């Protein structure tokens, strides 16, 4: 049985390019800093009209595993999106 493993992100991007499969835009690549959470509060960059961004995905460049969270890939949900989902943000 072949071992199943996740690719490091750069390897993943290379394969997606070879098979011409688009990926989501990279908003930032580099060392972690808490100010990056502000990216989640901006409007979505894929839409022509302003849309609230749901959040951002935070992943390491090199795949890793943690006993508590399992695969280390996290999603930070924006406050604006949560308020909209709960019906408390005014449009």
PDB file of N, CA and C in Angstrom:
ATOM      1  N   UNK A   1       0.863  -1.184   0.000  1.00  0.00           N
ATOM      2  CA  UNK A   1       0.000   0.000   0.000  1.00  0.00           C
ATOM      3  C   UNK A   1       0.899   1.234   0.000  1.00  0.00           C
ATOM      4  N   UNK A   2       0.618   2.150  -0.896  1.00  0.00           N
ATOM      5  CA  UNK A   2       1.402   3.385  -0.977  1.00  0.00           C
ATOM      6  C   UNK A   2       1.106   4.279   0.214  1.00  0.00           C
ATOM      7  N   UNK A   3       2.143   4.970   0.679  1.00  0.00           N
ATOM      8  CA  UNK A   3       1.964   5.912   1.791  1.00  0.00           C
ATOM      9  C   UNK A   3       1.265   7.165   1.276  1.00  0.00           C
ATOM     10  N   UNK A   4       0.276   7.618   2.015  1.00  0.00           N
ATOM     11  CA  UNK A   4      -0.429   8.850   1.655  1.00  0.00           C
ATOM     12  C   UNK A   4       0.187   9.979   2.465  1.00  0.00           C
ATOM     13  N   UNK A   5       0.499  11.074   1.799  1.00  0.00           N
ATOM     14  CA  UNK A   5       1.053  12.216   2.508  1.00  0.00           C
ATOM     15  C   UNK A   5       0.646  13.491   1.787  1.00  0.00           C
ATOM     16  N   UNK A   6       0.621  14.578   2.544  1.00  0.00           N
ATOM     17  CA  UNK A   6       0.356  15.879   1.966  1.00  0.00           C
ATOM     18  C   UNK A   6       1.670  16.444   1.440  1.00  0.00           C
ATOM     19  N   UNK A   7       1.561  17.216   0.361  1.00  0.00           N
ATOM     20  CA  UNK A   7       2.738  17.844  -0.221  1.00  0.00           C
ATOM     21  C   UNK A   7       3.044  19.152   0.496  1.00  0.00           C
ATOM     22  N   UNK A   8       4.316  19.538   0.491  1.00  0.00           N
ATOM     23  CA  UNK A   8       4.651  20.886   0.919  1.00  0.00           C
ATOM     24  C   UNK A   8       3.974  21.834  -0.059  1.00  0.00           C
ATOM     25  N   UNK A   9       3.662  23.041   0.379  1.00  0.00           N
ATOM     26  CA  UNK A   9       2.843  23.936  -0.433  1.00  0.00           C
ATOM     27  C   UNK A   9       3.485  24.260  -1.776  1.00  0.00           C
ATOM     28  N   UNK A  10       4.782  24.463  -1.809  1.00  0.00           N
ATOM     29  CA  UNK A  10       5.461  24.767  -3.071  1.00  0.00           C
ATOM     30  C   UNK A  10       5.338  23.599  -4.052  1.00  0.00           C
ATOM     31  N   UNK A  11       5.439  22.371  -3.559  1.00  0.00           N
ATOM     32  CA  UNK A  11       5.264  21.182  -4.412  1.00  0.00           C
ATOM     33  C   UNK A  11       3.836  21.134  -4.968  1.00  0.00           C
ATOM     34  N   UNK A  12       2.874  21.418  -4.112  1.00  0.00           N
ATOM     35  CA  UNK A  12       1.476  21.453  -4.517  1.00  0.00           C
ATOM     36  C   UNK A  12       1.264  22.476  -5.639  1.00  0.00           C
ATOM     37  N   UNK A  13       1.800  23.695  -5.445  1.00  0.00           N
ATOM     38  CA  UNK A  13       1.644  24.743  -6.464  1.00  0.00           C
ATOM     39  C   UNK A  13       2.278  24.338  -7.785  1.00  0.00           C
ATOM     40  N   UNK A  14       3.427  23.687  -7.727  1.00  0.00           N
ATOM     41  CA  UNK A  14       4.094  23.233  -8.958  1.00  0.00           C
ATOM     42  C   UNK A  14       3.236  22.236  -9.723  1.00  0.00           C
ATOM     43  N   UNK A  15       2.631  21.303  -9.024  1.00  0.00           N
ATOM     44  CA  UNK A  15       1.771  20.308  -9.675  1.00  0.00           C
ATOM     45  C   UNK A  15       0.535  20.974 -10.269  1.00  0.00           C
ATOM     46  N   UNK A  16      -0.057  21.912  -9.536  1.00  0.00           N
ATOM     47  CA  UNK A  16      -1.236  22.616 -10.047  1.00  0.00           C
ATOM     48  C   UNK A  16      -0.896  23.376 -11.326  1.00  0.00           C
ATOM     49  N   UNK A  17       0.298  23.944 -11.380  1.00  0.00           N
ATOM     50  CA  UNK A  17       0.723  24.667 -12.584  1.00  0.00           C
ATOM     51  C   UNK A  17       0.914  23.701 -13.755  1.00  0.00           C
ATOM     52  N   UNK A  18       1.530  22.551 -13.498  1.00  0.00           N
ATOM     53  CA  UNK A  18       1.766  21.558 -14.558  1.00  0.00           C
ATOM     54  C   UNK A  18       0.452  21.068 -15.158  1.00  0.00           C
ATOM     55  N   UNK A  19      -0.557  20.855 -14.316  1.00  0.00           N
ATOM     56  CA  UNK A  19      -1.837  20.337 -14.825  1.00  0.00           C
ATOM     57  C   UNK A  19      -2.834  21.456 -15.128  1.00  0.00           C
ATOM     58  N   UNK A  20      -2.361  22.699 -15.068  1.00  0.00           N
ATOM     59  CA  UNK A  20      -3.172  23.884 -15.395  1.00  0.00           C
ATOM     60  C   UNK A  20      -4.448  23.980 -14.563  1.00  0.00           C
ATOM     61  N   UNK A  21      -4.335  23.716 -13.292  1.00  0.00           N
ATOM     62  CA  UNK A  21      -5.471  23.827 -12.383  1.00  0.00           C
ATOM     63  C   UNK A  21      -5.252  25.060 -11.507  1.00  0.00           C
ATOM     64  N   UNK A  22      -6.155  26.048 -11.588  1.00  0.00           N
ATOM     65  CA  UNK A  22      -5.956  27.283 -10.810  1.00  0.00           C
ATOM     66  C   UNK A  22      -6.100  27.041  -9.313  1.00  0.00           C
ATOM     67  N   UNK A  23      -5.431  27.859  -8.545  1.00  0.00           N
ATOM     68  CA  UNK A  23      -5.526  27.819  -7.081  1.00  0.00           C
ATOM     69  C   UNK A  23      -6.007  29.181  -6.590  1.00  0.00           C
ATOM     70  N   UNK A  24      -6.384  29.240  -5.348  1.00  0.00           N
ATOM     71  CA  UNK A  24      -6.797  30.522  -4.777  1.00  0.00           C
ATOM     72  C   UNK A  24      -5.583  31.437  -4.687  1.00  0.00           C
ATOM     73  N   UNK A  25      -5.821  32.762  -4.704  1.00  0.00           N
ATOM     74  CA  UNK A  25      -4.687  33.686  -4.630  1.00  0.00           C
ATOM     75  C   UNK A  25      -3.978  33.601  -3.280  1.00  0.00           C
ATOM     76  N   UNK A  26      -2.676  33.803  -3.313  1.00  0.00           N
ATOM     77  CA  UNK A  26      -1.879  33.873  -2.092  1.00  0.00           C
ATOM     78  C   UNK A  26      -1.859  35.338  -1.674  1.00  0.00           C
ATOM     79  N   UNK A  27      -2.422  35.641  -0.507  1.00  0.00           N
ATOM     80  CA  UNK A  27      -2.476  37.015  -0.029  1.00  0.00           C
ATOM     81  C   UNK A  27      -1.165  37.435   0.623  1.00  0.00           C
ATOM     82  N   UNK A  28      -0.455  36.457   1.179  1.00  0.00           N
ATOM     83  CA  UNK A  28       0.811  36.727   1.855  1.00  0.00           C
ATOM     84  C   UNK A  28       1.562  35.417   1.974  1.00  0.00           C
ATOM     85  N   UNK A  29       2.879  35.493   1.842  1.00  0.00           N
ATOM     86  CA  UNK A  29       3.720  34.323   2.060  1.00  0.00           C
ATOM     87  C   UNK A  29       4.947  34.805   2.800  1.00  0.00           C
ATOM     88  N   UNK A  30       5.182  34.259   3.976  1.00  0.00           N
ATOM     89  CA  UNK A  30       6.319  34.677   4.786  1.00  0.00           C
ATOM     90  C   UNK A  30       6.073  34.348   6.243  1.00  0.00           C
ATOM     91  N   UNK A  31       6.909  34.899   7.113  1.00  0.00           N
ATOM     92  CA  UNK A  31       6.787  34.603   8.555  1.00  0.00           C
ATOM     93  C   UNK A  31       5.447  35.075   9.121  1.00  0.00           C
ATOM     94  N   UNK A  32       4.951  34.336  10.092  1.00  0.00           N
ATOM     95  CA  UNK A  32       3.676  34.661  10.731  1.00  0.00           C
ATOM     96  C   UNK A  32       3.804  35.934  11.549  1.00  0.00           C
ATOM     97  N   UNK A  33       2.769  36.764  11.494  1.00  0.00           N
ATOM     98  CA  UNK A  33       2.621  37.924  12.360  1.00  0.00           C
ATOM     99  C   UNK A  33       1.131  38.165  12.556  1.00  0.00           C
ATOM    100  N   UNK A  34       0.744  38.549  13.746  1.00  0.00           N
ATOM    101  CA  UNK A  34      -0.689  38.678  14.043  1.00  0.00           C
ATOM    102  C   UNK A  34      -1.375  39.730  13.186  1.00  0.00           C
ATOM    103  N   UNK A  35      -0.639  40.701  12.671  1.00  0.00           N
ATOM    104  CA  UNK A  35      -1.257  41.723  11.811  1.00  0.00           C
ATOM    105  C   UNK A  35      -1.842  41.111  10.537  1.00  0.00           C
ATOM    106  N   UNK A  36      -1.450  39.886  10.201  1.00  0.00           N
ATOM    107  CA  UNK A  36      -1.990  39.210   9.021  1.00  0.00           C
ATOM    108  C   UNK A  36      -3.478  38.919   9.161  1.00  0.00           C
ATOM    109  N   UNK A  37      -3.974  38.868  10.389  1.00  0.00           N
ATOM    110  CA  UNK A  37      -5.403  38.621  10.602  1.00  0.00           C
ATOM    111  C   UNK A  37      -6.251  39.745  10.004  1.00  0.00           C
ATOM    112  N   UNK A  38      -5.641  40.926   9.809  1.00  0.00           N
ATOM    113  CA  UNK A  38      -6.357  42.031   9.162  1.00  0.00           C
ATOM    114  C   UNK A  38      -6.747  41.678   7.728  1.00  0.00           C
ATOM    115  N   UNK A  39      -5.989  40.783   7.082  1.00  0.00           N
ATOM    116  CA  UNK A  39      -6.324  40.362   5.715  1.00  0.00           C
ATOM    117  C   UNK A  39      -7.704  39.715   5.659  1.00  0.00           C
ATOM    118  N   UNK A  40      -8.076  39.047   6.727  1.00  0.00           N
ATOM    119  CA  UNK A  40      -9.384  38.372   6.766  1.00  0.00           C
ATOM    120  C   UNK A  40     -10.530  39.364   6.767  1.00  0.00           C
ATOM    121  N   UNK A  41     -10.292  40.575   7.237  1.00  0.00           N
ATOM    122  CA  UNK A  41     -11.355  41.573   7.353  1.00  0.00           C
ATOM    123  C   UNK A  41     -11.529  42.394   6.083  1.00  0.00           C
ATOM    124  N   UNK A  42     -10.657  42.239   5.113  1.00  0.00           N
ATOM    125  CA  UNK A  42     -10.762  42.984   3.859  1.00  0.00           C
ATOM    126  C   UNK A  42     -11.830  42.357   2.967  1.00  0.00           C
ATOM    127  N   UNK A  43     -12.229  43.088   1.932  1.00  0.00           N
ATOM    128  CA  UNK A  43     -13.175  42.525   0.971  1.00  0.00           C
ATOM    129  C   UNK A  43     -12.494  41.450   0.139  1.00  0.00           C
ATOM    130  N   UNK A  44     -13.286  40.546  -0.367  1.00  0.00           N
ATOM    131  CA  UNK A  44     -12.787  39.438  -1.182  1.00  0.00           C
ATOM    132  C   UNK A  44     -12.122  39.977  -2.438  1.00  0.00           C
ATOM    133  N   UNK A  45     -10.988  39.396  -2.803  1.00  0.00           N
ATOM    134  CA  UNK A  45     -10.244  39.875  -3.971  1.00  0.00           C
ATOM    135  C   UNK A  45     -10.651  39.162  -5.261  1.00  0.00           C
ATOM    136  N   UNK A  46     -11.435  38.104  -5.191  1.00  0.00           N
ATOM    137  CA  UNK A  46     -11.839  37.366  -6.384  1.00  0.00           C
ATOM    138  C   UNK A  46     -13.115  37.897  -7.028  1.00  0.00           C
ATOM    139  N   UNK A  47     -13.843  38.734  -6.315  1.00  0.00           N
ATOM    140  CA  UNK A  47     -15.142  39.194  -6.799  1.00  0.00           C
ATOM    141  C   UNK A  47     -15.034  40.583  -7.429  1.00  0.00           C
ATOM    142  N   UNK A  48     -15.849  40.821  -8.461  1.00  0.00           N
ATOM    143  CA  UNK A  48     -15.853  42.132  -9.120  1.00  0.00           C
ATOM    144  C   UNK A  48     -16.537  43.180  -8.250  1.00  0.00           C
ATOM    145  N   UNK A  49     -17.609  42.801  -7.570  1.00  0.00           N
ATOM    146  CA  UNK A  49     -18.272  43.733  -6.656  1.00  0.00           C
ATOM    147  C   UNK A  49     -17.821  43.413  -5.228  1.00  0.00           C
ATOM    148  N   UNK A  50     -17.836  44.411  -4.342  1.00  0.00           N
ATOM    149  CA  UNK A  50     -17.358  44.174  -2.965  1.00  0.00           C
ATOM    150  C   UNK A  50     -18.122  43.047  -2.270  1.00  0.00           C
ATOM    151  N   UNK A  51     -17.398  42.096  -1.782  1.00  0.00           N
ATOM    152  CA  UNK A  51     -17.953  40.961  -1.032  1.00  0.00           C
ATOM    153  C   UNK A  51     -17.142  40.801   0.244  1.00  0.00           C
ATOM    154  N   UNK A  52     -17.803  40.439   1.314  1.00  0.00           N
ATOM    155  CA  UNK A  52     -17.098  40.194   2.573  1.00  0.00           C
ATOM    156  C   UNK A  52     -16.290  38.907   2.435  1.00  0.00           C
ATOM    157  N   UNK A  53     -15.012  38.999   2.792  1.00  0.00           N
ATOM    158  CA  UNK A  53     -14.165  37.799   2.763  1.00  0.00           C
ATOM    159  C   UNK A  53     -14.540  36.905   3.941  1.00  0.00           C
ATOM    160  N   UNK A  54     -14.692  35.628   3.667  1.00  0.00           N
ATOM    161  CA  UNK A  54     -15.040  34.673   4.725  1.00  0.00           C
ATOM    162  C   UNK A  54     -13.911  34.543   5.740  1.00  0.00           C
ATOM    163  N   UNK A  55     -12.706  34.559   5.273  1.00  0.00           N
ATOM    164  CA  UNK A  55     -11.568  34.426   6.180  1.00  0.00           C
ATOM    165  C   UNK A  55     -10.310  34.125   5.391  1.00  0.00           C
ATOM    166  N   UNK A  56      -9.297  33.648   6.094  1.00  0.00           N
ATOM    167  CA  UNK A  56      -8.031  33.294   5.451  1.00  0.00           C
ATOM    168  C   UNK A  56      -7.583  31.923   5.936  1.00  0.00           C
ATOM    169  N   UNK A  57      -6.860  31.231   5.079  1.00  0.00           N
ATOM    170  CA  UNK A  57      -6.274  29.940   5.436  1.00  0.00           C
ATOM    171  C   UNK A  57      -4.818  30.186   5.790  1.00  0.00           C
ATOM    172  N   UNK A  58      -4.397  29.614   6.897  1.00  0.00           N
ATOM    173  CA  UNK A  58      -3.036  29.774   7.388  1.00  0.00           C
ATOM    174  C   UNK A  58      -2.389  28.392   7.371  1.00  0.00           C
ATOM    175  N   UNK A  59      -1.305  28.280   6.599  1.00  0.00           N
ATOM    176  CA  UNK A  59      -0.644  26.980   6.487  1.00  0.00           C
ATOM    177  C   UNK A  59       0.863  27.171   6.509  1.00  0.00           C
ATOM    178  N   UNK A  60       1.586  26.173   7.008  1.00  0.00           N
ATOM    179  CA  UNK A  60       3.045  26.250   6.979  1.00  0.00           C
ATOM    180  C   UNK A  60       3.570  25.944   5.579  1.00  0.00           C
ATOM    181  N   UNK A  61       4.743  26.442   5.249  1.00  0.00           N
ATOM    182  CA  UNK A  61       5.361  26.140   3.949  1.00  0.00           C
ATOM    183  C   UNK A  61       5.737  24.665   3.870  1.00  0.00           C
ATOM    184  N   UNK A  62       6.194  24.135   4.991  1.00  0.00           N
ATOM    185  CA  UNK A  62       6.569  22.722   5.087  1.00  0.00           C
ATOM    186  C   UNK A  62       5.470  22.011   5.875  1.00  0.00           C
ATOM    187  N   UNK A  63       4.860  21.003   5.268  1.00  0.00           N
ATOM    188  CA  UNK A  63       3.778  20.265   5.932  1.00  0.00           C
ATOM    189  C   UNK A  63       4.230  19.746   7.289  1.00  0.00           C
ATOM    190  N   UNK A  64       3.344  19.850   8.257  1.00  0.00           N
ATOM    191  CA  UNK A  64       3.637  19.269   9.568  1.00  0.00           C
ATOM    192  C   UNK A  64       2.357  18.819  10.245  1.00  0.00           C
ATOM    193  N   UNK A  65       2.534  18.017  11.255  1.00  0.00           N
ATOM    194  CA  UNK A  65       1.435  17.378  11.970  1.00  0.00           C
ATOM    195  C   UNK A  65       1.591  17.689  13.442  1.00  0.00           C
ATOM    196  N   UNK A  66       0.490  17.994  14.108  1.00  0.00           N
ATOM    197  CA  UNK A  66       0.485  18.271  15.535  1.00  0.00           C
ATOM    198  C   UNK A  66      -0.505  17.315  16.188  1.00  0.00           C
ATOM    199  N   UNK A  67      -0.134  16.757  17.319  1.00  0.00           N
ATOM    200  CA  UNK A  67      -1.009  15.787  17.987  1.00  0.00           C
ATOM    201  C   UNK A  67      -2.357  16.386  18.374  1.00  0.00           C
ATOM    202  N   UNK A  68      -2.385  17.677  18.684  1.00  0.00           N
ATOM    203  CA  UNK A  68      -3.640  18.298  19.116  1.00  0.00           C
ATOM    204  C   UNK A  68      -4.515  18.723  17.934  1.00  0.00           C
ATOM    205  N   UNK A  69      -3.944  19.393  16.934  1.00  0.00           N
ATOM    206  CA  UNK A  69      -4.755  19.901  15.829  1.00  0.00           C
ATOM    207  C   UNK A  69      -4.685  19.032  14.579  1.00  0.00           C
ATOM    208  N   UNK A  70      -3.881  17.989  14.610  1.00  0.00           N
ATOM    209  CA  UNK A  70      -3.664  17.073  13.472  1.00  0.00           C
ATOM    210  C   UNK A  70      -2.864  17.794  12.393  1.00  0.00           C
ATOM    211  N   UNK A  71      -3.329  17.785  11.144  1.00  0.00           N
ATOM    212  CA  UNK A  71      -2.614  18.485  10.076  1.00  0.00           C
ATOM    213  C   UNK A  71      -2.653  19.985  10.367  1.00  0.00           C
ATOM    214  N   UNK A  72      -1.506  20.618  10.306  1.00  0.00           N
ATOM    215  CA  UNK A  72      -1.430  22.029  10.660  1.00  0.00           C
ATOM    216  C   UNK A  72      -1.810  22.891   9.449  1.00  0.00           C
ATOM    217  N   UNK A  73      -3.106  23.107   9.317  1.00  0.00           N
ATOM    218  CA  UNK A  73      -3.689  24.039   8.355  1.00  0.00           C
ATOM    219  C   UNK A  73      -4.900  24.609   9.072  1.00  0.00           C
ATOM    220  N   UNK A  74      -4.909  25.911   9.247  1.00  0.00           N
ATOM    221  CA  UNK A  74      -5.954  26.543  10.028  1.00  0.00           C
ATOM    222  C   UNK A  74      -6.710  27.557   9.184  1.00  0.00           C
ATOM    223  N   UNK A  75      -7.955  27.800   9.525  1.00  0.00           N
ATOM    224  CA  UNK A  75      -8.728  28.838   8.856  1.00  0.00           C
ATOM    225  C   UNK A  75      -9.205  29.821   9.907  1.00  0.00           C
ATOM    226  N   UNK A  76      -8.907  31.077   9.652  1.00  0.00           N
ATOM    227  CA  UNK A  76      -9.361  32.150  10.520  1.00  0.00           C
ATOM    228  C   UNK A  76     -10.580  32.782   9.852  1.00  0.00           C
ATOM    229  N   UNK A  77     -11.724  32.746  10.523  1.00  0.00           N
ATOM    230  CA  UNK A  77     -12.971  33.303   9.990  1.00  0.00           C
ATOM    231  C   UNK A  77     -13.054  34.770  10.401  1.00  0.00           C
ATOM    232  N   UNK A  78     -13.352  35.644   9.430  1.00  0.00           N
ATOM    233  CA  UNK A  78     -13.385  37.084   9.712  1.00  0.00           C
ATOM    234  C   UNK A  78     -14.564  37.435  10.613  1.00  0.00           C
ATOM    235  N   UNK A  79     -14.366  38.488  11.415  1.00  0.00           N
ATOM    236  CA  UNK A  79     -15.451  38.975  12.268  1.00  0.00           C
ATOM    237  C   UNK A  79     -16.607  39.489  11.426  1.00  0.00           C
ATOM    238  N   UNK A  80     -16.295  40.186  10.333  1.00  0.00           N
ATOM    239  CA  UNK A  80     -17.341  40.727   9.455  1.00  0.00           C
ATOM    240  C   UNK A  80     -18.212  39.604   8.895  1.00  0.00           C
ATOM    241  N   UNK A  81     -17.588  38.515   8.509  1.00  0.00           N
ATOM    242  CA  UNK A  81     -18.338  37.384   7.961  1.00  0.00           C
ATOM    243  C   UNK A  81     -19.233  36.767   9.036  1.00  0.00           C
ATOM    244  N   UNK A  82     -18.701  36.606  10.236  1.00  0.00           N
ATOM    245  CA  UNK A  82     -19.495  36.019  11.320  1.00  0.00           C
ATOM    246  C   UNK A  82     -20.685  36.916  11.672  1.00  0.00           C
ATOM    247  N   UNK A  83     -20.474  38.224  11.661  1.00  0.00           N
ATOM    248  CA  UNK A  83     -21.583  39.142  11.944  1.00  0.00           C
ATOM    249  C   UNK A  83     -22.650  39.054  10.862  1.00  0.00           C
ATOM    250  N   UNK A  84     -22.217  38.947   9.607  1.00  0.00           N
ATOM    251  CA  UNK A  84     -23.162  38.823   8.497  1.00  0.00           C
ATOM    252  C   UNK A  84     -23.946  37.528   8.614  1.00  0.00           C
ATOM    253  N   UNK A  85     -23.252  36.433   8.936  1.00  0.00           N
ATOM    254  CA  UNK A  85     -23.910  35.128   9.075  1.00  0.00           C
ATOM    255  C   UNK A  85     -24.940  35.152  10.203  1.00  0.00           C
ATOM    256  N   UNK A  86     -24.654  35.933  11.242  1.00  0.00           N
ATOM    257  CA  UNK A  86     -25.581  36.019  12.375  1.00  0.00           C
ATOM    258  C   UNK A  86     -26.642  37.092  12.189  1.00  0.00           C
ATOM    259  N   UNK A  87     -26.563  37.832  11.056  1.00  0.00           N
ATOM    260  CA  UNK A  87     -27.558  38.846  10.760  1.00  0.00           C
ATOM    261  C   UNK A  87     -27.389  40.143  11.509  1.00  0.00           C
ATOM    262  N   UNK A  88     -26.217  40.385  12.092  1.00  0.00           N
ATOM    263  CA  UNK A  88     -26.037  41.602  12.880  1.00  0.00           C
ATOM    264  C   UNK A  88     -25.265  42.682  12.146  1.00  0.00           C
ATOM    265  N   UNK A  89     -24.681  42.403  10.978  1.00  0.00           N
ATOM    266  CA  UNK A  89     -23.980  43.452  10.234  1.00  0.00           C
ATOM    267  C   UNK A  89     -24.945  44.121   9.284  1.00  0.00           C
ATOM    268  N   UNK A  90     -24.850  45.449   9.237  1.00  0.00           N
ATOM    269  CA  UNK A  90     -25.695  46.222   8.322  1.00  0.00           C
ATOM    270  C   UNK A  90     -25.000  46.288   6.970  1.00  0.00           C
ATOM    271  N   UNK A  91     -25.767  46.141   5.893  1.00  0.00           N
ATOM    272  CA  UNK A  91     -25.205  46.168   4.518  1.00  0.00           C
ATOM    273  C   UNK A  91     -25.253  47.559   3.965  1.00  0.00           C
TER     274      UNK A  91
END
